Each structure stands twice: as structure tokens, then as C-alpha cells.
Amino acid sequence: MEYCIDCGNRIRGRTDKKFCNDHCRSHYHNALNRGRNNVFKEVNHILKKNTAILDQFVQQGVFQIEKQTLAATGFDFNYFTNFIDGPLGEKYYGIYHYAYRQHPAEQVELVQTAEIWPET
């Protein structure tokens, strides 16, 4: 007989079983992936926060804002979901359904991705 690799109890049944029940199996794999999943949760939290900040400005009709003002709201410029090429070759940073690009004069232009990359 084998022993459960999570709780150490004896295993009954098939000889190739590693866990005594579904709870031990789930517990073992959740503990194994906990560190990696925490990183995903942290990054997704930052992306959601950035999206909410952009959403507030767009809902207010603000589509041009100073970079410093955007940063003061807690927006983190280090996190985005993708790069988007604009119709004139400009580079946008995408965050889910929003995008922004930085102008040389420390201005940031906010757009919804459908405006720069319309569906065909």
C-alpha cells in the first residue's frame, strides 16, 4: 500500500494512486502553484486598477492628460496588456479595451481600442 503525498494517510484502491481523496489532490496542487498564482493575481490587480483609472477619465470626456497627473492617480505605466499600431504607425500601449500613447510634451492620449483598431 502507498501513502498519500499530501496528508500521509494510507491509500486504498488502485496501486498507482497518489492521493487518498480529491481534497488532498486539490490541496497539494494548490499549494504547489500558490507562489506562481500570486504573481498572476498581483499583475492582474494592477492591470484592473489601470483600466479603472482610464475608465474614469474617458467617462468624464478626458482624452488628453498630463503624464504626471495620470501617475498621481496611481496609474502604473510599467503594466499593459499589448502594443497596438495606430493607423499612422504610432505606437499605443493597450490595457484591455483602452489604449494610450505618450507624446513628447509629457502628454498622454487616451483612446478606446476600437477607435484605433476597428473591427473589420
PDB file of N, CA and C in Angstrom:
ATOM      1  N   MET A   1       0.832  -1.193   0.000  1.00  0.00           N
ATOM      2  CA  MET A   1       0.000   0.000   0.000  1.00  0.00           C
ATOM      3  C   MET A   1       0.868   1.244   0.000  1.00  0.00           C
ATOM      4  N   GLU A   2       0.370   2.259  -0.667  1.00  0.00           N
ATOM      5  CA  GLU A   2       1.058   3.535  -0.764  1.00  0.00           C
ATOM      6  C   GLU A   2       0.477   4.517   0.251  1.00  0.00           C
ATOM      7  N   TYR A   3       1.167   5.643   0.385  1.00  0.00           N
ATOM      8  CA  TYR A   3       0.721   6.697   1.283  1.00  0.00           C
ATOM      9  C   TYR A   3       0.456   7.973   0.479  1.00  0.00           C
ATOM     10  N   CYS A   4      -0.544   8.714   0.912  1.00  0.00           N
ATOM     11  CA  CYS A   4      -0.931   9.969   0.261  1.00  0.00           C
ATOM     12  C   CYS A   4       0.231  10.954   0.344  1.00  0.00           C
ATOM     13  N   ILE A   5       0.580  11.579  -0.796  1.00  0.00           N
ATOM     14  CA  ILE A   5       1.706  12.518  -0.783  1.00  0.00           C
ATOM     15  C   ILE A   5       1.329  13.867  -0.175  1.00  0.00           C
ATOM     16  N   ASP A   6       0.053  14.072   0.148  1.00  0.00           N
ATOM     17  CA  ASP A   6      -0.344  15.317   0.795  1.00  0.00           C
ATOM     18  C   ASP A   6      -0.470  15.150   2.307  1.00  0.00           C
ATOM     19  N   CYS A   7      -1.282  14.186   2.741  1.00  0.00           N
ATOM     20  CA  CYS A   7      -1.540  14.058   4.180  1.00  0.00           C
ATOM     21  C   CYS A   7      -0.801  12.892   4.832  1.00  0.00           C
ATOM     22  N   GLY A   8      -0.302  11.955   4.045  1.00  0.00           N
ATOM     23  CA  GLY A   8       0.438  10.819   4.590  1.00  0.00           C
ATOM     24  C   GLY A   8      -0.410   9.631   4.996  1.00  0.00           C
ATOM     25  N   ASN A   9      -1.721   9.725   4.840  1.00  0.00           N
ATOM     26  CA  ASN A   9      -2.597   8.586   5.160  1.00  0.00           C
ATOM     27  C   ASN A   9      -2.420   7.469   4.135  1.00  0.00           C
ATOM     28  N   ARG A  10      -2.784   6.270   4.561  1.00  0.00           N
ATOM     29  CA  ARG A  10      -2.726   5.132   3.647  1.00  0.00           C
ATOM     30  C   ARG A  10      -3.750   5.301   2.536  1.00  0.00           C
ATOM     31  N   ILE A  11      -3.375   4.861   1.352  1.00  0.00           N
ATOM     32  CA  ILE A  11      -4.261   4.936   0.193  1.00  0.00           C
ATOM     33  C   ILE A  11      -4.848   3.570  -0.069  1.00  0.00           C
ATOM     34  N   ARG A  12      -6.155   3.564  -0.295  1.00  0.00           N
ATOM     35  CA  ARG A  12      -6.832   2.322  -0.663  1.00  0.00           C
ATOM     36  C   ARG A  12      -7.231   2.420  -2.128  1.00  0.00           C
ATOM     37  N   GLY A  13      -7.287   1.305  -2.780  1.00  0.00           N
ATOM     38  CA  GLY A  13      -7.729   1.288  -4.171  1.00  0.00           C
ATOM     39  C   GLY A  13      -6.579   0.976  -5.109  1.00  0.00           C
ATOM     40  N   ARG A  14      -6.572   1.634  -6.253  1.00  0.00           N
ATOM     41  CA  ARG A  14      -5.572   1.357  -7.276  1.00  0.00           C
ATOM     42  C   ARG A  14      -4.161   1.542  -6.750  1.00  0.00           C
ATOM     43  N   THR A  15      -3.240   0.793  -7.277  1.00  0.00           N
ATOM     44  CA  THR A  15      -1.856   0.848  -6.809  1.00  0.00           C
ATOM     45  C   THR A  15      -1.110   2.079  -7.299  1.00  0.00           C
ATOM     46  N   ASP A  16      -1.619   2.741  -8.347  1.00  0.00           N
ATOM     47  CA  ASP A  16      -0.925   3.920  -8.875  1.00  0.00           C
ATOM     48  C   ASP A  16      -1.485   5.236  -8.332  1.00  0.00           C
ATOM     49  N   LYS A  17      -2.406   5.189  -7.368  1.00  0.00           N
ATOM     50  CA  LYS A  17      -2.965   6.405  -6.784  1.00  0.00           C
ATOM     51  C   LYS A  17      -1.898   7.135  -5.963  1.00  0.00           C
ATOM     52  N   LYS A  18      -1.949   8.472  -6.009  1.00  0.00           N
ATOM     53  CA  LYS A  18      -1.008   9.285  -5.247  1.00  0.00           C
ATOM     54  C   LYS A  18      -1.675  10.006  -4.076  1.00  0.00           C
ATOM     55  N   PHE A  19      -2.996  10.135  -4.136  1.00  0.00           N
ATOM     56  CA  PHE A  19      -3.735  10.877  -3.119  1.00  0.00           C
ATOM     57  C   PHE A  19      -4.859  10.013  -2.574  1.00  0.00           C
ATOM     58  N   CYS A  20      -5.208  10.235  -1.324  1.00  0.00           N
ATOM     59  CA  CYS A  20      -6.272   9.437  -0.716  1.00  0.00           C
ATOM     60  C   CYS A  20      -7.663   9.929  -1.095  1.00  0.00           C
ATOM     61  N   ASN A  21      -7.798  11.209  -1.482  1.00  0.00           N
ATOM     62  CA  ASN A  21      -9.096  11.738  -1.888  1.00  0.00           C
ATOM     63  C   ASN A  21      -8.913  13.016  -2.716  1.00  0.00           C
ATOM     64  N   ASP A  22     -10.017  13.549  -3.212  1.00  0.00           N
ATOM     65  CA  ASP A  22      -9.969  14.753  -4.046  1.00  0.00           C
ATOM     66  C   ASP A  22      -9.491  15.970  -3.268  1.00  0.00           C
ATOM     67  N   HIS A  23      -9.847  16.043  -1.999  1.00  0.00           N
ATOM     68  CA  HIS A  23      -9.402  17.174  -1.176  1.00  0.00           C
ATOM     69  C   HIS A  23      -7.876  17.229  -1.119  1.00  0.00           C
ATOM     70  N   CYS A  24      -7.242  16.111  -0.839  1.00  0.00           N
ATOM     71  CA  CYS A  24      -5.773  16.074  -0.768  1.00  0.00           C
ATOM     72  C   CYS A  24      -5.146  16.411  -2.122  1.00  0.00           C
ATOM     73  N   ARG A  25      -5.737  15.905  -3.196  1.00  0.00           N
ATOM     74  CA  ARG A  25      -5.220  16.185  -4.530  1.00  0.00           C
ATOM     75  C   ARG A  25      -5.279  17.692  -4.821  1.00  0.00           C
ATOM     76  N   SER A  26      -6.428  18.313  -4.548  1.00  0.00           N
ATOM     77  CA  SER A  26      -6.579  19.753  -4.770  1.00  0.00           C
ATOM     78  C   SER A  26      -5.652  20.549  -3.864  1.00  0.00           C
ATOM     79  N   HIS A  27      -5.588  20.186  -2.596  1.00  0.00           N
ATOM     80  CA  HIS A  27      -4.736  20.883  -1.644  1.00  0.00           C
ATOM     81  C   HIS A  27      -3.273  20.838  -2.071  1.00  0.00           C
ATOM     82  N   TYR A  28      -2.823  19.684  -2.486  1.00  0.00           N
ATOM     83  CA  TYR A  28      -1.429  19.504  -2.912  1.00  0.00           C
ATOM     84  C   TYR A  28      -1.106  20.395  -4.116  1.00  0.00           C
ATOM     85  N   HIS A  29      -1.955  20.374  -5.140  1.00  0.00           N
ATOM     86  CA  HIS A  29      -1.691  21.152  -6.348  1.00  0.00           C
ATOM     87  C   HIS A  29      -1.866  22.656  -6.116  1.00  0.00           C
ATOM     88  N   ASN A  30      -2.813  23.041  -5.286  1.00  0.00           N
ATOM     89  CA  ASN A  30      -2.964  24.458  -4.955  1.00  0.00           C
ATOM     90  C   ASN A  30      -1.739  24.982  -4.217  1.00  0.00           C
ATOM     91  N   ALA A  31      -1.216  24.199  -3.282  1.00  0.00           N
ATOM     92  CA  ALA A  31      -0.017  24.609  -2.551  1.00  0.00           C
ATOM     93  C   ALA A  31       1.189  24.679  -3.485  1.00  0.00           C
ATOM     94  N   LEU A  32       1.257  23.768  -4.424  1.00  0.00           N
ATOM     95  CA  LEU A  32       2.360  23.733  -5.381  1.00  0.00           C
ATOM     96  C   LEU A  32       2.366  24.973  -6.270  1.00  0.00           C
ATOM     97  N   ASN A  33       1.182  25.457  -6.658  1.00  0.00           N
ATOM     98  CA  ASN A  33       1.073  26.592  -7.578  1.00  0.00           C
ATOM     99  C   ASN A  33       0.819  27.930  -6.896  1.00  0.00           C
ATOM    100  N   ARG A  34       0.770  27.964  -5.581  1.00  0.00           N
ATOM    101  CA  ARG A  34       0.411  29.174  -4.844  1.00  0.00           C
ATOM    102  C   ARG A  34       1.306  30.360  -5.183  1.00  0.00           C
ATOM    103  N   GLY A  35       2.603  30.180  -5.210  1.00  0.00           N
ATOM    104  CA  GLY A  35       3.528  31.282  -5.486  1.00  0.00           C
ATOM    105  C   GLY A  35       3.344  31.845  -6.881  1.00  0.00           C
ATOM    106  N   ARG A  36       3.231  30.967  -7.856  1.00  0.00           N
ATOM    107  CA  ARG A  36       3.054  31.405  -9.234  1.00  0.00           C
ATOM    108  C   ARG A  36       1.717  32.117  -9.398  1.00  0.00           C
ATOM    109  N   ASN A  37       0.667  31.599  -8.795  1.00  0.00           N
ATOM    110  CA  ASN A  37      -0.654  32.214  -8.907  1.00  0.00           C
ATOM    111  C   ASN A  37      -0.702  33.581  -8.248  1.00  0.00           C
ATOM    112  N   ASN A  38       0.063  33.779  -7.180  1.00  0.00           N
ATOM    113  CA  ASN A  38       0.092  35.084  -6.521  1.00  0.00           C
ATOM    114  C   ASN A  38       0.656  36.154  -7.446  1.00  0.00           C
ATOM    115  N   VAL A  39       1.655  35.801  -8.247  1.00  0.00           N
ATOM    116  CA  VAL A  39       2.225  36.755  -9.200  1.00  0.00           C
ATOM    117  C   VAL A  39       1.169  37.146 -10.227  1.00  0.00           C
ATOM    118  N   PHE A  40       0.426  36.164 -10.744  1.00  0.00           N
ATOM    119  CA  PHE A  40      -0.630  36.457 -11.703  1.00  0.00           C
ATOM    120  C   PHE A  40      -1.692  37.365 -11.089  1.00  0.00           C
ATOM    121  N   LYS A  41      -2.069  37.087  -9.860  1.00  0.00           N
ATOM    122  CA  LYS A  41      -3.086  37.894  -9.187  1.00  0.00           C
ATOM    123  C   LYS A  41      -2.603  39.331  -9.007  1.00  0.00           C
ATOM    124  N   GLU A  42      -1.343  39.501  -8.635  1.00  0.00           N
ATOM    125  CA  GLU A  42      -0.792  40.840  -8.417  1.00  0.00           C
ATOM    126  C   GLU A  42      -0.774  41.649  -9.716  1.00  0.00           C
ATOM    127  N   VAL A  43      -0.312  41.039 -10.792  1.00  0.00           N
ATOM    128  CA  VAL A  43      -0.257  41.729 -12.078  1.00  0.00           C
ATOM    129  C   VAL A  43      -1.667  42.063 -12.559  1.00  0.00           C
ATOM    130  N   ASN A  44      -2.584  41.121 -12.441  1.00  0.00           N
ATOM    131  CA  ASN A  44      -3.955  41.376 -12.882  1.00  0.00           C
ATOM    132  C   ASN A  44      -4.606  42.479 -12.052  1.00  0.00           C
ATOM    133  N   HIS A  45      -4.278  42.552 -10.771  1.00  0.00           N
ATOM    134  CA  HIS A  45      -4.797  43.628  -9.920  1.00  0.00           C
ATOM    135  C   HIS A  45      -4.319  44.992 -10.433  1.00  0.00           C
ATOM    136  N   ILE A  46      -3.054  45.093 -10.797  1.00  0.00           N
ATOM    137  CA  ILE A  46      -2.503  46.355 -11.315  1.00  0.00           C
ATOM    138  C   ILE A  46      -3.162  46.712 -12.642  1.00  0.00           C
ATOM    139  N   LEU A  47      -3.344  45.718 -13.518  1.00  0.00           N
ATOM    140  CA  LEU A  47      -3.993  45.971 -14.811  1.00  0.00           C
ATOM    141  C   LEU A  47      -5.441  46.431 -14.623  1.00  0.00           C
ATOM    142  N   LYS A  48      -6.154  45.821 -13.687  1.00  0.00           N
ATOM    143  CA  LYS A  48      -7.532  46.235 -13.417  1.00  0.00           C
ATOM    144  C   LYS A  48      -7.574  47.660 -12.872  1.00  0.00           C
ATOM    145  N   LYS A  49      -6.620  47.990 -12.008  1.00  0.00           N
ATOM    146  CA  LYS A  49      -6.562  49.343 -11.446  1.00  0.00           C
ATOM    147  C   LYS A  49      -6.280  50.356 -12.556  1.00  0.00           C
ATOM    148  N   ASN A  50      -5.318  50.043 -13.434  1.00  0.00           N
ATOM    149  CA  ASN A  50      -5.015  50.933 -14.555  1.00  0.00           C
ATOM    150  C   ASN A  50      -6.243  51.127 -15.443  1.00  0.00           C
ATOM    151  N   THR A  51      -6.969  50.041 -15.709  1.00  0.00           N
ATOM    152  CA  THR A  51      -8.172  50.124 -16.539  1.00  0.00           C
ATOM    153  C   THR A  51      -9.232  50.997 -15.874  1.00  0.00           C
ATOM    154  N   ALA A  52      -9.410  50.840 -14.581  1.00  0.00           N
ATOM    155  CA  ALA A  52     -10.404  51.643 -13.861  1.00  0.00           C
ATOM    156  C   ALA A  52     -10.038  53.127 -13.904  1.00  0.00           C
ATOM    157  N   ILE A  53      -8.765  53.436 -13.795  1.00  0.00           N
ATOM    158  CA  ILE A  53      -8.322  54.837 -13.855  1.00  0.00           C
ATOM    159  C   ILE A  53      -8.600  55.416 -15.233  1.00  0.00           C
ATOM    160  N   LEU A  54      -8.235  54.668 -16.285  1.00  0.00           N
ATOM    161  CA  LEU A  54      -8.509  55.141 -17.645  1.00  0.00           C
ATOM    162  C   LEU A  54     -10.008  55.286 -17.873  1.00  0.00           C
ATOM    163  N   ASP A  55     -10.776  54.355 -17.347  1.00  0.00           N
ATOM    164  CA  ASP A  55     -12.227  54.389 -17.493  1.00  0.00           C
ATOM    165  C   ASP A  55     -12.810  55.659 -16.878  1.00  0.00           C
ATOM    166  N   GLN A  56     -12.322  56.052 -15.716  1.00  0.00           N
ATOM    167  CA  GLN A  56     -12.820  57.264 -15.062  1.00  0.00           C
ATOM    168  C   GLN A  56     -12.581  58.492 -15.934  1.00  0.00           C
ATOM    169  N   PHE A  57     -11.394  58.609 -16.497  1.00  0.00           N
ATOM    170  CA  PHE A  57     -11.088  59.770 -17.330  1.00  0.00           C
ATOM    171  C   PHE A  57     -11.915  59.768 -18.620  1.00  0.00           C
ATOM    172  N   VAL A  58     -12.021  58.607 -19.261  1.00  0.00           N
ATOM    173  CA  VAL A  58     -12.784  58.519 -20.507  1.00  0.00           C
ATOM    174  C   VAL A  58     -14.257  58.825 -20.249  1.00  0.00           C
ATOM    175  N   GLN A  59     -14.811  58.332 -19.137  1.00  0.00           N
ATOM    176  CA  GLN A  59     -16.212  58.611 -18.801  1.00  0.00           C
ATOM    177  C   GLN A  59     -16.446  60.104 -18.574  1.00  0.00           C
ATOM    178  N   GLN A  60     -15.413  60.814 -18.115  1.00  0.00           N
ATOM    179  CA  GLN A  60     -15.518  62.259 -17.899  1.00  0.00           C
ATOM    180  C   GLN A  60     -15.241  63.046 -19.181  1.00  0.00           C
ATOM    181  N   GLY A  61     -14.915  62.340 -20.262  1.00  0.00           N
ATOM    182  CA  GLY A  61     -14.624  63.006 -21.525  1.00  0.00           C
ATOM    183  C   GLY A  61     -13.199  63.509 -21.641  1.00  0.00           C
ATOM    184  N   VAL A  62     -12.321  63.037 -20.774  1.00  0.00           N
ATOM    185  CA  VAL A  62     -10.913  63.453 -20.803  1.00  0.00           C
ATOM    186  C   VAL A  62     -10.140  62.443 -21.649  1.00  0.00           C
ATOM    187  N   PHE A  63      -9.582  62.914 -22.763  1.00  0.00           N
ATOM    188  CA  PHE A  63      -8.828  62.034 -23.651  1.00  0.00           C
ATOM    189  C   PHE A  63      -7.384  62.486 -23.827  1.00  0.00           C
ATOM    190  N   GLN A  64      -7.033  63.620 -23.220  1.00  0.00           N
ATOM    191  CA  GLN A  64      -5.667  64.131 -23.237  1.00  0.00           C
ATOM    192  C   GLN A  64      -5.358  64.556 -21.809  1.00  0.00           C
ATOM    193  N   ILE A  65      -4.277  64.015 -21.254  1.00  0.00           N
ATOM    194  CA  ILE A  65      -3.964  64.277 -19.855  1.00  0.00           C
ATOM    195  C   ILE A  65      -2.451  64.310 -19.674  1.00  0.00           C
ATOM    196  N   GLU A  66      -1.998  65.061 -18.695  1.00  0.00           N
ATOM    197  CA  GLU A  66      -0.566  65.097 -18.412  1.00  0.00           C
ATOM    198  C   GLU A  66      -0.137  63.782 -17.775  1.00  0.00           C
ATOM    199  N   LYS A  67       1.027  63.317 -18.164  1.00  0.00           N
ATOM    200  CA  LYS A  67       1.547  62.052 -17.640  1.00  0.00           C
ATOM    201  C   LYS A  67       1.647  62.098 -16.117  1.00  0.00           C
ATOM    202  N   GLN A  68       2.078  63.218 -15.592  1.00  0.00           N
ATOM    203  CA  GLN A  68       2.250  63.377 -14.145  1.00  0.00           C
ATOM    204  C   GLN A  68       0.897  63.271 -13.421  1.00  0.00           C
ATOM    205  N   THR A  69      -0.153  63.815 -14.001  1.00  0.00           N
ATOM    206  CA  THR A  69      -1.488  63.740 -13.410  1.00  0.00           C
ATOM    207  C   THR A  69      -1.981  62.298 -13.396  1.00  0.00           C
ATOM    208  N   LEU A  70      -1.754  61.592 -14.497  1.00  0.00           N
ATOM    209  CA  LEU A  70      -2.160  60.194 -14.583  1.00  0.00           C
ATOM    210  C   LEU A  70      -1.398  59.352 -13.560  1.00  0.00           C
ATOM    211  N   ALA A  71      -0.109  59.606 -13.416  1.00  0.00           N
ATOM    212  CA  ALA A  71       0.703  58.872 -12.436  1.00  0.00           C
ATOM    213  C   ALA A  71       0.249  59.172 -11.010  1.00  0.00           C
ATOM    214  N   ALA A  72      -0.197  60.387 -10.758  1.00  0.00           N
ATOM    215  CA  ALA A  72      -0.641  60.772  -9.408  1.00  0.00           C
ATOM    216  C   ALA A  72      -1.897  60.013  -8.977  1.00  0.00           C
ATOM    217  N   THR A  73      -2.657  59.503  -9.918  1.00  0.00           N
ATOM    218  CA  THR A  73      -3.858  58.735  -9.593  1.00  0.00           C
ATOM    219  C   THR A  73      -3.527  57.295  -9.207  1.00  0.00           C
ATOM    220  N   GLY A  74      -2.258  56.896  -9.369  1.00  0.00           N
ATOM    221  CA  GLY A  74      -1.850  55.531  -9.071  1.00  0.00           C
ATOM    222  C   GLY A  74      -1.666  54.683 -10.313  1.00  0.00           C
ATOM    223  N   PHE A  75      -1.785  55.295 -11.493  1.00  0.00           N
ATOM    224  CA  PHE A  75      -1.599  54.573 -12.745  1.00  0.00           C
ATOM    225  C   PHE A  75      -0.153  54.112 -12.841  1.00  0.00           C
ATOM    226  N   ASP A  76       0.054  52.847 -13.190  1.00  0.00           N
ATOM    227  CA  ASP A  76       1.393  52.268 -13.289  1.00  0.00           C
ATOM    228  C   ASP A  76       1.726  52.036 -14.761  1.00  0.00           C
ATOM    229  N   PHE A  77       2.632  52.848 -15.299  1.00  0.00           N
ATOM    230  CA  PHE A  77       2.999  52.783 -16.712  1.00  0.00           C
ATOM    231  C   PHE A  77       3.803  51.532 -17.068  1.00  0.00           C
ATOM    232  N   ASN A  78       4.238  50.780 -16.085  1.00  0.00           N
ATOM    233  CA  ASN A  78       5.025  49.571 -16.347  1.00  0.00           C
ATOM    234  C   ASN A  78       4.170  48.361 -16.714  1.00  0.00           C
ATOM    235  N   TYR A  79       2.854  48.465 -16.560  1.00  0.00           N
ATOM    236  CA  TYR A  79       1.976  47.324 -16.809  1.00  0.00           C
ATOM    237  C   TYR A  79       0.952  47.655 -17.885  1.00  0.00           C
ATOM    238  N   PHE A  80       0.920  46.844 -18.915  1.00  0.00           N
ATOM    239  CA  PHE A  80      -0.034  46.971 -20.003  1.00  0.00           C
ATOM    240  C   PHE A  80      -0.193  45.592 -20.628  1.00  0.00           C
ATOM    241  N   THR A  81      -1.226  45.416 -21.443  1.00  0.00           N
ATOM    242  CA  THR A  81      -1.508  44.091 -21.984  1.00  0.00           C
ATOM    243  C   THR A  81      -0.891  43.847 -23.354  1.00  0.00           C
ATOM    244  N   ASN A  82      -0.738  44.888 -24.166  1.00  0.00           N
ATOM    245  CA  ASN A  82      -0.204  44.694 -25.508  1.00  0.00           C
ATOM    246  C   ASN A  82       0.212  46.017 -26.136  1.00  0.00           C
ATOM    247  N   PHE A  83       0.888  45.922 -27.281  1.00  0.00           N
ATOM    248  CA  PHE A  83       1.207  47.085 -28.098  1.00  0.00           C
ATOM    249  C   PHE A  83       0.233  47.095 -29.270  1.00  0.00           C
ATOM    250  N   ILE A  84      -0.179  48.290 -29.676  1.00  0.00           N
ATOM    251  CA  ILE A  84      -1.085  48.434 -30.811  1.00  0.00           C
ATOM    252  C   ILE A  84      -0.481  49.462 -31.765  1.00  0.00           C
ATOM    253  N   ASP A  85      -0.447  49.122 -33.027  1.00  0.00           N
ATOM    254  CA  ASP A  85      -0.007  50.067 -34.049  1.00  0.00           C
ATOM    255  C   ASP A  85      -1.196  50.888 -34.497  1.00  0.00           C
ATOM    256  N   GLY A  86      -1.079  52.212 -34.426  1.00  0.00           N
ATOM    257  CA  GLY A  86      -2.141  53.093 -34.876  1.00  0.00           C
ATOM    258  C   GLY A  86      -2.179  53.177 -36.385  1.00  0.00           C
ATOM    259  N   PRO A  87      -3.185  53.840 -36.920  1.00  0.00           N
ATOM    260  CA  PRO A  87      -3.336  53.919 -38.371  1.00  0.00           C
ATOM    261  C   PRO A  87      -2.201  54.668 -39.069  1.00  0.00           C
ATOM    262  N   LEU A  88      -1.522  55.544 -38.343  1.00  0.00           N
ATOM    263  CA  LEU A  88      -0.406  56.296 -38.918  1.00  0.00           C
ATOM    264  C   LEU A  88       0.939  55.770 -38.439  1.00  0.00           C
ATOM    265  N   GLY A  89       0.959  54.558 -37.888  1.00  0.00           N
ATOM    266  CA  GLY A  89       2.202  53.954 -37.426  1.00  0.00           C
ATOM    267  C   GLY A  89       2.579  54.305 -35.999  1.00  0.00           C
ATOM    268  N   GLU A  90       1.713  55.041 -35.291  1.00  0.00           N
ATOM    269  CA  GLU A  90       2.031  55.378 -33.908  1.00  0.00           C
ATOM    270  C   GLU A  90       1.888  54.148 -33.018  1.00  0.00           C
ATOM    271  N   LYS A  91       2.646  54.136 -31.950  1.00  0.00           N
ATOM    272  CA  LYS A  91       2.633  53.012 -31.013  1.00  0.00           C
ATOM    273  C   LYS A  91       1.773  53.354 -29.803  1.00  0.00           C
ATOM    274  N   TYR A  92       0.803  52.480 -29.525  1.00  0.00           N
ATOM    275  CA  TYR A  92      -0.063  52.618 -28.360  1.00  0.00           C
ATOM    276  C   TYR A  92       0.212  51.478 -27.397  1.00  0.00           C
ATOM    277  N   TYR A  93       0.048  51.748 -26.120  1.00  0.00           N
ATOM    278  CA  TYR A  93       0.104  50.724 -25.089  1.00  0.00           C
ATOM    279  C   TYR A  93      -1.334  50.331 -24.789  1.00  0.00           C
ATOM    280  N   GLY A  94      -1.669  49.071 -24.961  1.00  0.00           N
ATOM    281  CA  GLY A  94      -3.020  48.603 -24.730  1.00  0.00           C
ATOM    282  C   GLY A  94      -3.200  48.071 -23.324  1.00  0.00           C
ATOM    283  N   ILE A  95      -4.351  48.375 -22.760  1.00  0.00           N
ATOM    284  CA  ILE A  95      -4.755  47.821 -21.473  1.00  0.00           C
ATOM    285  C   ILE A  95      -6.216  47.401 -21.645  1.00  0.00           C
ATOM    286  N   TYR A  96      -6.402  46.128 -21.948  1.00  0.00           N
ATOM    287  CA  TYR A  96      -7.720  45.578 -22.239  1.00  0.00           C
ATOM    288  C   TYR A  96      -8.389  46.380 -23.350  1.00  0.00           C
ATOM    289  N   HIS A  97      -9.497  47.064 -23.091  1.00  0.00           N
ATOM    290  CA  HIS A  97     -10.215  47.768 -24.153  1.00  0.00           C
ATOM    291  C   HIS A  97      -9.830  49.241 -24.266  1.00  0.00           C
ATOM    292  N   TYR A  98      -8.788  49.663 -23.562  1.00  0.00           N
ATOM    293  CA  TYR A  98      -8.265  51.022 -23.677  1.00  0.00           C
ATOM    294  C   TYR A  98      -6.845  50.976 -24.205  1.00  0.00           C
ATOM    295  N   ALA A  99      -6.394  52.132 -24.667  1.00  0.00           N
ATOM    296  CA  ALA A  99      -5.004  52.260 -25.096  1.00  0.00           C
ATOM    297  C   ALA A  99      -4.579  53.698 -24.839  1.00  0.00           C
ATOM    298  N   TYR A 100      -3.286  53.882 -24.739  1.00  0.00           N
ATOM    299  CA  TYR A 100      -2.764  55.235 -24.570  1.00  0.00           C
ATOM    300  C   TYR A 100      -1.431  55.333 -25.299  1.00  0.00           C
ATOM    301  N   ARG A 101      -1.088  56.565 -25.659  1.00  0.00           N
ATOM    302  CA  ARG A 101       0.246  56.798 -26.199  1.00  0.00           C
ATOM    303  C   ARG A 101       0.779  58.072 -25.588  1.00  0.00           C
ATOM    304  N   GLN A 102       2.078  58.086 -25.427  1.00  0.00           N
ATOM    305  CA  GLN A 102       2.728  59.228 -24.798  1.00  0.00           C
ATOM    306  C   GLN A 102       3.262  60.163 -25.864  1.00  0.00           C
ATOM    307  N   HIS A 103       2.994  61.433 -25.672  1.00  0.00           N
ATOM    308  CA  HIS A 103       3.506  62.462 -26.574  1.00  0.00           C
ATOM    309  C   HIS A 103       4.777  63.040 -25.964  1.00  0.00           C
ATOM    310  N   PRO A 104       5.641  63.615 -26.789  1.00  0.00           N
ATOM    311  CA  PRO A 104       6.908  64.168 -26.267  1.00  0.00           C
ATOM    312  C   PRO A 104       6.724  65.249 -25.197  1.00  0.00           C
ATOM    313  N   ALA A 105       5.614  65.967 -25.228  1.00  0.00           N
ATOM    314  CA  ALA A 105       5.398  67.065 -24.277  1.00  0.00           C
ATOM    315  C   ALA A 105       4.787  66.563 -22.972  1.00  0.00           C
ATOM    316  N   GLU A 106       5.103  65.321 -22.578  1.00  0.00           N
ATOM    317  CA  GLU A 106       4.612  64.733 -21.330  1.00  0.00           C
ATOM    318  C   GLU A 106       3.086  64.664 -21.272  1.00  0.00           C
ATOM    319  N   GLN A 107       2.463  64.592 -22.435  1.00  0.00           N
ATOM    320  CA  GLN A 107       1.025  64.421 -22.532  1.00  0.00           C
ATOM    321  C   GLN A 107       0.729  62.969 -22.877  1.00  0.00           C
ATOM    322  N   VAL A 108      -0.413  62.478 -22.414  1.00  0.00           N
ATOM    323  CA  VAL A 108      -0.841  61.119 -22.706  1.00  0.00           C
ATOM    324  C   VAL A 108      -2.212  61.201 -23.375  1.00  0.00           C
ATOM    325  N   GLU A 109      -2.328  60.540 -24.519  1.00  0.00           N
ATOM    326  CA  GLU A 109      -3.583  60.486 -25.257  1.00  0.00           C
ATOM    327  C   GLU A 109      -4.285  59.171 -24.919  1.00  0.00           C
ATOM    328  N   LEU A 110      -5.537  59.249 -24.488  1.00  0.00           N
ATOM    329  CA  LEU A 110      -6.324  58.074 -24.138  1.00  0.00           C
ATOM    330  C   LEU A 110      -7.327  57.770 -25.241  1.00  0.00           C
ATOM    331  N   VAL A 111      -7.446  56.500 -25.592  1.00  0.00           N
ATOM    332  CA  VAL A 111      -8.430  56.078 -26.589  1.00  0.00           C
ATOM    333  C   VAL A 111      -8.984  54.718 -26.203  1.00  0.00           C
ATOM    334  N   GLN A 112     -10.133  54.410 -26.770  1.00  0.00           N
ATOM    335  CA  GLN A 112     -10.640  53.051 -26.670  1.00  0.00           C
ATOM    336  C   GLN A 112     -10.078  52.304 -27.870  1.00  0.00           C
ATOM    337  N   THR A 113      -9.741  51.045 -27.700  1.00  0.00           N
ATOM    338  CA  THR A 113      -9.034  50.326 -28.755  1.00  0.00           C
ATOM    339  C   THR A 113      -9.831  50.254 -30.049  1.00  0.00           C
ATOM    340  N   ALA A 114     -11.149  50.270 -29.992  1.00  0.00           N
ATOM    341  CA  ALA A 114     -11.957  50.233 -31.199  1.00  0.00           C
ATOM    342  C   ALA A 114     -11.731  51.478 -32.066  1.00  0.00           C
ATOM    343  N   GLU A 115     -11.290  52.583 -31.452  1.00  0.00           N
ATOM    344  CA  GLU A 115     -11.056  53.810 -32.202  1.00  0.00           C
ATOM    345  C   GLU A 115      -9.779  53.739 -33.043  1.00  0.00           C
ATOM    346  N   ILE A 116      -8.807  52.980 -32.613  1.00  0.00           N
ATOM    347  CA  ILE A 116      -7.551  52.913 -33.360  1.00  0.00           C
ATOM    348  C   ILE A 116      -7.376  51.593 -34.094  1.00  0.00           C
ATOM    349  N   TRP A 117      -8.172  50.610 -33.734  1.00  0.00           N
ATOM    350  CA  TRP A 117      -8.067  49.301 -34.356  1.00  0.00           C
ATOM    351  C   TRP A 117      -9.471  48.737 -34.545  1.00  0.00           C
ATOM    352  N   PRO A 118     -10.235  49.362 -35.454  1.00  0.00           N
ATOM    353  CA  PRO A 118     -11.628  48.950 -35.611  1.00  0.00           C
ATOM    354  C   PRO A 118     -11.746  47.529 -36.140  1.00  0.00           C
ATOM    355  N   GLU A 119     -12.800  46.856 -35.721  1.00  0.00           N
ATOM    356  CA  GLU A 119     -13.036  45.501 -36.197  1.00  0.00           C
ATOM    357  C   GLU A 119     -13.485  45.565 -37.649  1.00  0.00           C
ATOM    358  N   THR A 120     -13.045  44.603 -38.416  1.00  0.00           N
ATOM    359  CA  THR A 120     -13.423  44.598 -39.836  1.00  0.00           C
ATOM    360  C   THR A 120     -14.419  43.515 -40.128  1.00  0.00           C
TER     361      THR A 120
END
